[in-house]
Amino acid sequence: MKALNKFLLKICGLVALVYGILFAVFYFDLDGKFMYYIWEPFMIKRFDNMKRKDKTLTPYGRKDTLEPDEYTQIR
């Protein structure tokens, strides 16, 4: 019985620790700050520098049809 109480006390302590960490993260909006200051600049730097085909140079007649790199054909 003593071992069970000790185990349950450890589980309750772990749950309280996780709850406290999550409370601090959302109370101080740390997830939003992480996304705004770290994640978004990283993604902008990564994806804004990708080489892409210039879609403005495509003639009007070809814009109506799908190009092979724009769809997946399942057979």
PDB file of N, CA and C in Angstrom:
ATOM      1  N   MET A   1       0.824  -1.197   0.000  1.00  0.00           N
ATOM      2  CA  MET A   1       0.000   0.000   0.000  1.00  0.00           C
ATOM      3  C   MET A   1       0.869   1.262   0.000  1.00  0.00           C
ATOM      4  N   LYS A   2       1.983   1.189   0.706  1.00  0.00           N
ATOM      5  CA  LYS A   2       2.878   2.343   0.776  1.00  0.00           C
ATOM      6  C   LYS A   2       3.499   2.630  -0.596  1.00  0.00           C
ATOM      7  N   ALA A   3       3.806   1.573  -1.331  1.00  0.00           N
ATOM      8  CA  ALA A   3       4.394   1.734  -2.657  1.00  0.00           C
ATOM      9  C   ALA A   3       3.377   2.341  -3.625  1.00  0.00           C
ATOM     10  N   LEU A   4       2.121   1.935  -3.492  1.00  0.00           N
ATOM     11  CA  LEU A   4       1.067   2.482  -4.350  1.00  0.00           C
ATOM     12  C   LEU A   4       0.874   3.976  -4.078  1.00  0.00           C
ATOM     13  N   ASN A   5       0.869   4.367  -2.813  1.00  0.00           N
ATOM     14  CA  ASN A   5       0.727   5.776  -2.471  1.00  0.00           C
ATOM     15  C   ASN A   5       1.906   6.588  -2.999  1.00  0.00           C
ATOM     16  N   LYS A   6       3.102   6.027  -2.899  1.00  0.00           N
ATOM     17  CA  LYS A   6       4.290   6.714  -3.384  1.00  0.00           C
ATOM     18  C   LYS A   6       4.226   6.888  -4.902  1.00  0.00           C
ATOM     19  N   PHE A   7       3.766   5.851  -5.595  1.00  0.00           N
ATOM     20  CA  PHE A   7       3.623   5.902  -7.047  1.00  0.00           C
ATOM     21  C   PHE A   7       2.579   6.951  -7.448  1.00  0.00           C
ATOM     22  N   LEU A   8       1.417   6.950  -6.775  1.00  0.00           N
ATOM     23  CA  LEU A   8       0.375   7.926  -7.074  1.00  0.00           C
ATOM     24  C   LEU A   8       0.838   9.348  -6.771  1.00  0.00           C
ATOM     25  N   LEU A   9       1.627   9.530  -5.728  1.00  0.00           N
ATOM     26  CA  LEU A   9       2.161  10.840  -5.398  1.00  0.00           C
ATOM     27  C   LEU A   9       3.115  11.326  -6.481  1.00  0.00           C
ATOM     28  N   LYS A  10       3.934  10.417  -7.020  1.00  0.00           N
ATOM     29  CA  LYS A  10       4.833  10.784  -8.114  1.00  0.00           C
ATOM     30  C   LYS A  10       4.042  11.154  -9.366  1.00  0.00           C
ATOM     31  N   ILE A  11       2.998  10.404  -9.663  1.00  0.00           N
ATOM     32  CA  ILE A  11       2.154  10.698 -10.824  1.00  0.00           C
ATOM     33  C   ILE A  11       1.481  12.058 -10.648  1.00  0.00           C
ATOM     34  N   CYS A  12       0.957  12.340  -9.462  1.00  0.00           N
ATOM     35  CA  CYS A  12       0.318  13.640  -9.202  1.00  0.00           C
ATOM     36  C   CYS A  12       1.332  14.772  -9.313  1.00  0.00           C
ATOM     37  N   GLY A  13       2.539  14.556  -8.851  1.00  0.00           N
ATOM     38  CA  GLY A  13       3.583  15.569  -8.962  1.00  0.00           C
ATOM     39  C   GLY A  13       3.953  15.828 -10.402  1.00  0.00           C
ATOM     40  N   LEU A  14       4.043  14.775 -11.196  1.00  0.00           N
ATOM     41  CA  LEU A  14       4.342  14.920 -12.618  1.00  0.00           C
ATOM     42  C   LEU A  14       3.226  15.670 -13.343  1.00  0.00           C
ATOM     43  N   VAL A  15       1.986  15.332 -13.039  1.00  0.00           N
ATOM     44  CA  VAL A  15       0.846  16.015 -13.653  1.00  0.00           C
ATOM     45  C   VAL A  15       0.836  17.487 -13.251  1.00  0.00           C
ATOM     46  N   ALA A  16       1.125  17.782 -11.990  1.00  0.00           N
ATOM     47  CA  ALA A  16       1.169  19.175 -11.531  1.00  0.00           C
ATOM     48  C   ALA A  16       2.293  19.942 -12.227  1.00  0.00           C
ATOM     49  N   LEU A  17       3.428  19.301 -12.428  1.00  0.00           N
ATOM     50  CA  LEU A  17       4.541  19.945 -13.129  1.00  0.00           C
ATOM     51  C   LEU A  17       4.175  20.257 -14.578  1.00  0.00           C
ATOM     52  N   VAL A  18       3.594  19.296 -15.264  1.00  0.00           N
ATOM     53  CA  VAL A  18       3.182  19.508 -16.657  1.00  0.00           C
ATOM     54  C   VAL A  18       2.114  20.596 -16.730  1.00  0.00           C
ATOM     55  N   TYR A  19       1.170  20.588 -15.798  1.00  0.00           N
ATOM     56  CA  TYR A  19       0.125  21.606 -15.771  1.00  0.00           C
ATOM     57  C   TYR A  19       0.729  22.995 -15.541  1.00  0.00           C
ATOM     58  N   GLY A  20       1.679  23.094 -14.637  1.00  0.00           N
ATOM     59  CA  GLY A  20       2.339  24.369 -14.360  1.00  0.00           C
ATOM     60  C   GLY A  20       3.103  24.885 -15.565  1.00  0.00           C
ATOM     61  N   ILE A  21       3.807  23.999 -16.253  1.00  0.00           N
ATOM     62  CA  ILE A  21       4.552  24.402 -17.451  1.00  0.00           C
ATOM     63  C   ILE A  21       3.592  24.875 -18.539  1.00  0.00           C
ATOM     64  N   LEU A  22       2.528  24.128 -18.775  1.00  0.00           N
ATOM     65  CA  LEU A  22       1.559  24.525 -19.793  1.00  0.00           C
ATOM     66  C   LEU A  22       0.850  25.822 -19.420  1.00  0.00           C
ATOM     67  N   PHE A  23       0.557  26.000 -18.140  1.00  0.00           N
ATOM     68  CA  PHE A  23      -0.061  27.247 -17.690  1.00  0.00           C
ATOM     69  C   PHE A  23       0.850  28.431 -17.985  1.00  0.00           C
ATOM     70  N   ALA A  24       2.127  28.293 -17.670  1.00  0.00           N
ATOM     71  CA  ALA A  24       3.086  29.380 -17.915  1.00  0.00           C
ATOM     72  C   ALA A  24       3.217  29.670 -19.414  1.00  0.00           C
ATOM     73  N   VAL A  25       3.260  28.624 -20.224  1.00  0.00           N
ATOM     74  CA  VAL A  25       3.399  28.803 -21.677  1.00  0.00           C
ATOM     75  C   VAL A  25       2.224  29.585 -22.228  1.00  0.00           C
ATOM     76  N   PHE A  26       1.006  29.213 -21.848  1.00  0.00           N
ATOM     77  CA  PHE A  26      -0.163  29.869 -22.425  1.00  0.00           C
ATOM     78  C   PHE A  26      -0.486  31.189 -21.732  1.00  0.00           C
ATOM     79  N   TYR A  27      -0.173  31.344 -20.453  1.00  0.00           N
ATOM     80  CA  TYR A  27      -0.426  32.603 -19.748  1.00  0.00           C
ATOM     81  C   TYR A  27       0.450  33.721 -20.300  1.00  0.00           C
ATOM     82  N   PHE A  28       1.712  33.420 -20.535  1.00  0.00           N
ATOM     83  CA  PHE A  28       2.632  34.415 -21.066  1.00  0.00           C
ATOM     84  C   PHE A  28       2.707  34.387 -22.593  1.00  0.00           C
ATOM     85  N   ASP A  29       1.848  33.619 -23.246  1.00  0.00           N
ATOM     86  CA  ASP A  29       1.764  33.507 -24.701  1.00  0.00           C
ATOM     87  C   ASP A  29       3.125  33.137 -25.309  1.00  0.00           C
ATOM     88  N   LEU A  30       3.811  32.223 -24.669  1.00  0.00           N
ATOM     89  CA  LEU A  30       5.136  31.828 -25.145  1.00  0.00           C
ATOM     90  C   LEU A  30       5.064  31.076 -26.466  1.00  0.00           C
ATOM     91  N   ASP A  31       3.956  30.389 -26.705  1.00  0.00           N
ATOM     92  CA  ASP A  31       3.816  29.690 -27.981  1.00  0.00           C
ATOM     93  C   ASP A  31       3.668  30.679 -29.130  1.00  0.00           C
ATOM     94  N   GLY A  32       2.890  31.737 -28.929  1.00  0.00           N
ATOM     95  CA  GLY A  32       2.745  32.755 -29.966  1.00  0.00           C
ATOM     96  C   GLY A  32       4.030  33.527 -30.200  1.00  0.00           C
ATOM     97  N   LYS A  33       4.747  33.826 -29.111  1.00  0.00           N
ATOM     98  CA  LYS A  33       6.019  34.530 -29.244  1.00  0.00           C
ATOM     99  C   LYS A  33       7.039  33.670 -29.972  1.00  0.00           C
ATOM    100  N   PHE A  34       7.028  32.365 -29.692  1.00  0.00           N
ATOM    101  CA  PHE A  34       7.927  31.444 -30.403  1.00  0.00           C
ATOM    102  C   PHE A  34       7.610  31.434 -31.895  1.00  0.00           C
ATOM    103  N   MET A  35       6.300  31.356 -32.212  1.00  0.00           N
ATOM    104  CA  MET A  35       5.908  31.337 -33.619  1.00  0.00           C
ATOM    105  C   MET A  35       6.276  32.652 -34.307  1.00  0.00           C
ATOM    106  N   TYR A  36       6.089  33.792 -33.628  1.00  0.00           N
ATOM    107  CA  TYR A  36       6.302  35.099 -34.241  1.00  0.00           C
ATOM    108  C   TYR A  36       7.782  35.429 -34.370  1.00  0.00           C
ATOM    109  N   TYR A  37       8.568  35.192 -33.325  1.00  0.00           N
ATOM    110  CA  TYR A  37       9.961  35.638 -33.331  1.00  0.00           C
ATOM    111  C   TYR A  37      10.956  34.600 -33.851  1.00  0.00           C
ATOM    112  N   ILE A  38      10.615  33.318 -33.775  1.00  0.00           N
ATOM    113  CA  ILE A  38      11.575  32.270 -34.158  1.00  0.00           C
ATOM    114  C   ILE A  38      11.097  31.492 -35.380  1.00  0.00           C
ATOM    115  N   TRP A  39       9.914  30.918 -35.294  1.00  0.00           N
ATOM    116  CA  TRP A  39       9.451  30.007 -36.344  1.00  0.00           C
ATOM    117  C   TRP A  39       9.146  30.735 -37.653  1.00  0.00           C
ATOM    118  N   GLU A  40       8.387  31.841 -37.597  1.00  0.00           N
ATOM    119  CA  GLU A  40       8.001  32.536 -38.816  1.00  0.00           C
ATOM    120  C   GLU A  40       9.201  33.114 -39.577  1.00  0.00           C
ATOM    121  N   PRO A  41      10.160  33.791 -38.912  1.00  0.00           N
ATOM    122  CA  PRO A  41      11.329  34.255 -39.674  1.00  0.00           C
ATOM    123  C   PRO A  41      12.127  33.108 -40.289  1.00  0.00           C
ATOM    124  N   PHE A  42      12.201  31.990 -39.583  1.00  0.00           N
ATOM    125  CA  PHE A  42      12.896  30.824 -40.122  1.00  0.00           C
ATOM    126  C   PHE A  42      12.191  30.314 -41.377  1.00  0.00           C
ATOM    127  N   MET A  43      10.861  30.229 -41.340  1.00  0.00           N
ATOM    128  CA  MET A  43      10.105  29.751 -42.490  1.00  0.00           C
ATOM    129  C   MET A  43      10.156  30.754 -43.645  1.00  0.00           C
ATOM    130  N   ILE A  44      10.110  32.045 -43.336  1.00  0.00           N
ATOM    131  CA  ILE A  44      10.196  33.060 -44.387  1.00  0.00           C
ATOM    132  C   ILE A  44      11.545  32.972 -45.087  1.00  0.00           C
ATOM    133  N   LYS A  45      12.598  32.842 -44.287  1.00  0.00           N
ATOM    134  CA  LYS A  45      13.934  32.736 -44.877  1.00  0.00           C
ATOM    135  C   LYS A  45      14.049  31.476 -45.732  1.00  0.00           C
ATOM    136  N   ARG A  46      13.452  30.397 -45.280  1.00  0.00           N
ATOM    137  CA  ARG A  46      13.545  29.127 -45.991  1.00  0.00           C
ATOM    138  C   ARG A  46      12.745  29.148 -47.294  1.00  0.00           C
ATOM    139  N   PHE A  47      11.481  29.568 -47.228  1.00  0.00           N
ATOM    140  CA  PHE A  47      10.600  29.427 -48.377  1.00  0.00           C
ATOM    141  C   PHE A  47      10.621  30.629 -49.320  1.00  0.00           C
ATOM    142  N   ASP A  48      11.034  31.799 -48.855  1.00  0.00           N
ATOM    143  CA  ASP A  48      11.127  32.936 -49.769  1.00  0.00           C
ATOM    144  C   ASP A  48      12.332  32.819 -50.692  1.00  0.00           C
ATOM    145  N   ASN A  49      13.310  32.029 -50.329  1.00  0.00           N
ATOM    146  CA  ASN A  49      14.503  31.867 -51.154  1.00  0.00           C
ATOM    147  C   ASN A  49      14.417  30.667 -52.097  1.00  0.00           C
ATOM    148  N   MET A  50      13.283  29.966 -52.104  1.00  0.00           N
ATOM    149  CA  MET A  50      13.132  28.825 -53.006  1.00  0.00           C
ATOM    150  C   MET A  50      12.992  29.305 -54.437  1.00  0.00           C
ATOM    151  N   LYS A  51      13.589  28.561 -55.355  1.00  0.00           N
ATOM    152  CA  LYS A  51      13.437  28.896 -56.767  1.00  0.00           C
ATOM    153  C   LYS A  51      12.108  28.346 -57.254  1.00  0.00           C
ATOM    154  N   ARG A  52      11.316  29.230 -57.855  1.00  0.00           N
ATOM    155  CA  ARG A  52      10.016  28.837 -58.376  1.00  0.00           C
ATOM    156  C   ARG A  52       9.916  29.293 -59.831  1.00  0.00           C
ATOM    157  N   LYS A  53       9.084  28.583 -60.565  1.00  0.00           N
ATOM    158  CA  LYS A  53       8.826  28.979 -61.941  1.00  0.00           C
ATOM    159  C   LYS A  53       7.957  30.234 -61.934  1.00  0.00           C
ATOM    160  N   ASP A  54       8.285  31.200 -62.762  1.00  0.00           N
ATOM    161  CA  ASP A  54       7.539  32.456 -62.822  1.00  0.00           C
ATOM    162  C   ASP A  54       6.208  32.214 -63.527  1.00  0.00           C
ATOM    163  N   LYS A  55       5.121  32.262 -62.772  1.00  0.00           N
ATOM    164  CA  LYS A  55       3.792  31.995 -63.321  1.00  0.00           C
ATOM    165  C   LYS A  55       3.283  33.134 -64.188  1.00  0.00           C
ATOM    166  N   THR A  56       3.882  34.315 -64.079  1.00  0.00           N
ATOM    167  CA  THR A  56       3.418  35.441 -64.891  1.00  0.00           C
ATOM    168  C   THR A  56       3.882  35.343 -66.337  1.00  0.00           C
ATOM    169  N   LEU A  57       4.839  34.488 -66.610  1.00  0.00           N
ATOM    170  CA  LEU A  57       5.332  34.328 -67.979  1.00  0.00           C
ATOM    171  C   LEU A  57       4.561  33.276 -68.758  1.00  0.00           C
ATOM    172  N   THR A  58       3.612  32.574 -68.111  1.00  0.00           N
ATOM    173  CA  THR A  58       2.814  31.551 -68.777  1.00  0.00           C
ATOM    174  C   THR A  58       1.763  32.217 -69.661  1.00  0.00           C
ATOM    175  N   PRO A  59       1.649  31.800 -70.917  1.00  0.00           N
ATOM    176  CA  PRO A  59       0.605  32.377 -71.788  1.00  0.00           C
ATOM    177  C   PRO A  59      -0.792  32.072 -71.255  1.00  0.00           C
ATOM    178  N   TYR A  60      -1.769  32.926 -71.610  1.00  0.00           N
ATOM    179  CA  TYR A  60      -3.120  32.769 -71.077  1.00  0.00           C
ATOM    180  C   TYR A  60      -3.757  31.438 -71.461  1.00  0.00           C
ATOM    181  N   GLY A  61      -3.483  30.921 -72.630  1.00  0.00           N
ATOM    182  CA  GLY A  61      -4.082  29.668 -73.063  1.00  0.00           C
ATOM    183  C   GLY A  61      -3.654  28.478 -72.228  1.00  0.00           C
ATOM    184  N   ARG A  62      -2.486  28.517 -71.646  1.00  0.00           N
ATOM    185  CA  ARG A  62      -1.985  27.388 -70.864  1.00  0.00           C
ATOM    186  C   ARG A  62      -2.389  27.471 -69.402  1.00  0.00           C
ATOM    187  N   LYS A  63      -2.939  28.606 -68.964  1.00  0.00           N
ATOM    188  CA  LYS A  63      -3.317  28.733 -67.559  1.00  0.00           C
ATOM    189  C   LYS A  63      -4.556  27.914 -67.233  1.00  0.00           C
ATOM    190  N   ASP A  64      -5.360  27.592 -68.228  1.00  0.00           N
ATOM    191  CA  ASP A  64      -6.581  26.845 -67.978  1.00  0.00           C
ATOM    192  C   ASP A  64      -6.317  25.360 -67.771  1.00  0.00           C
ATOM    193  N   THR A  65      -5.260  24.839 -68.335  1.00  0.00           N
ATOM    194  CA  THR A  65      -4.963  23.418 -68.198  1.00  0.00           C
ATOM    195  C   THR A  65      -3.968  23.207 -67.070  1.00  0.00           C
ATOM    196  N   LEU A  66      -4.033  22.028 -66.474  1.00  0.00           N
ATOM    197  CA  LEU A  66      -3.103  21.686 -65.406  1.00  0.00           C
ATOM    198  C   LEU A  66      -1.786  21.209 -65.991  1.00  0.00           C
ATOM    199  N   GLU A  67      -0.728  21.650 -65.404  1.00  0.00           N
ATOM    200  CA  GLU A  67       0.584  21.202 -65.841  1.00  0.00           C
ATOM    201  C   GLU A  67       0.957  19.956 -65.047  1.00  0.00           C
ATOM    202  N   PRO A  68       1.843  19.108 -65.577  1.00  0.00           N
ATOM    203  CA  PRO A  68       2.176  17.854 -64.886  1.00  0.00           C
ATOM    204  C   PRO A  68       2.714  18.048 -63.467  1.00  0.00           C
ATOM    205  N   ASP A  69       3.366  19.162 -63.178  1.00  0.00           N
ATOM    206  CA  ASP A  69       3.907  19.346 -61.840  1.00  0.00           C
ATOM    207  C   ASP A  69       2.870  19.895 -60.850  1.00  0.00           C
ATOM    208  N   GLU A  70       1.634  20.088 -61.297  1.00  0.00           N
ATOM    209  CA  GLU A  70       0.605  20.658 -60.436  1.00  0.00           C
ATOM    210  C   GLU A  70      -0.459  19.641 -60.006  1.00  0.00           C
ATOM    211  N   TYR A  71      -0.347  18.413 -60.403  1.00  0.00           N
ATOM    212  CA  TYR A  71      -1.336  17.430 -59.993  1.00  0.00           C
ATOM    213  C   TYR A  71      -0.680  16.062 -59.878  1.00  0.00           C
ATOM    214  N   THR A  72      -1.364  15.180 -59.236  1.00  0.00           N
ATOM    215  CA  THR A  72      -0.917  13.801 -59.110  1.00  0.00           C
ATOM    216  C   THR A  72      -1.940  12.914 -59.791  1.00  0.00           C
ATOM    217  N   GLN A  73      -1.471  12.068 -60.674  1.00  0.00           N
ATOM    218  CA  GLN A  73      -2.395  11.196 -61.396  1.00  0.00           C
ATOM    219  C   GLN A  73      -2.342   9.821 -60.747  1.00  0.00           C
ATOM    220  N   ILE A  74      -3.494   9.317 -60.355  1.00  0.00           N
ATOM    221  CA  ILE A  74      -3.596   7.995 -59.743  1.00  0.00           C
ATOM    222  C   ILE A  74      -4.198   7.057 -60.773  1.00  0.00           C
ATOM    223  N   ARG A  75      -3.538   5.952 -60.989  1.00  0.00           N
ATOM    224  CA  ARG A  75      -4.041   4.971 -61.975  1.00  0.00           C
ATOM    225  C   ARG A  75      -4.470   3.729 -61.305  1.00  0.00           C
TER     226      ARG A  75
END
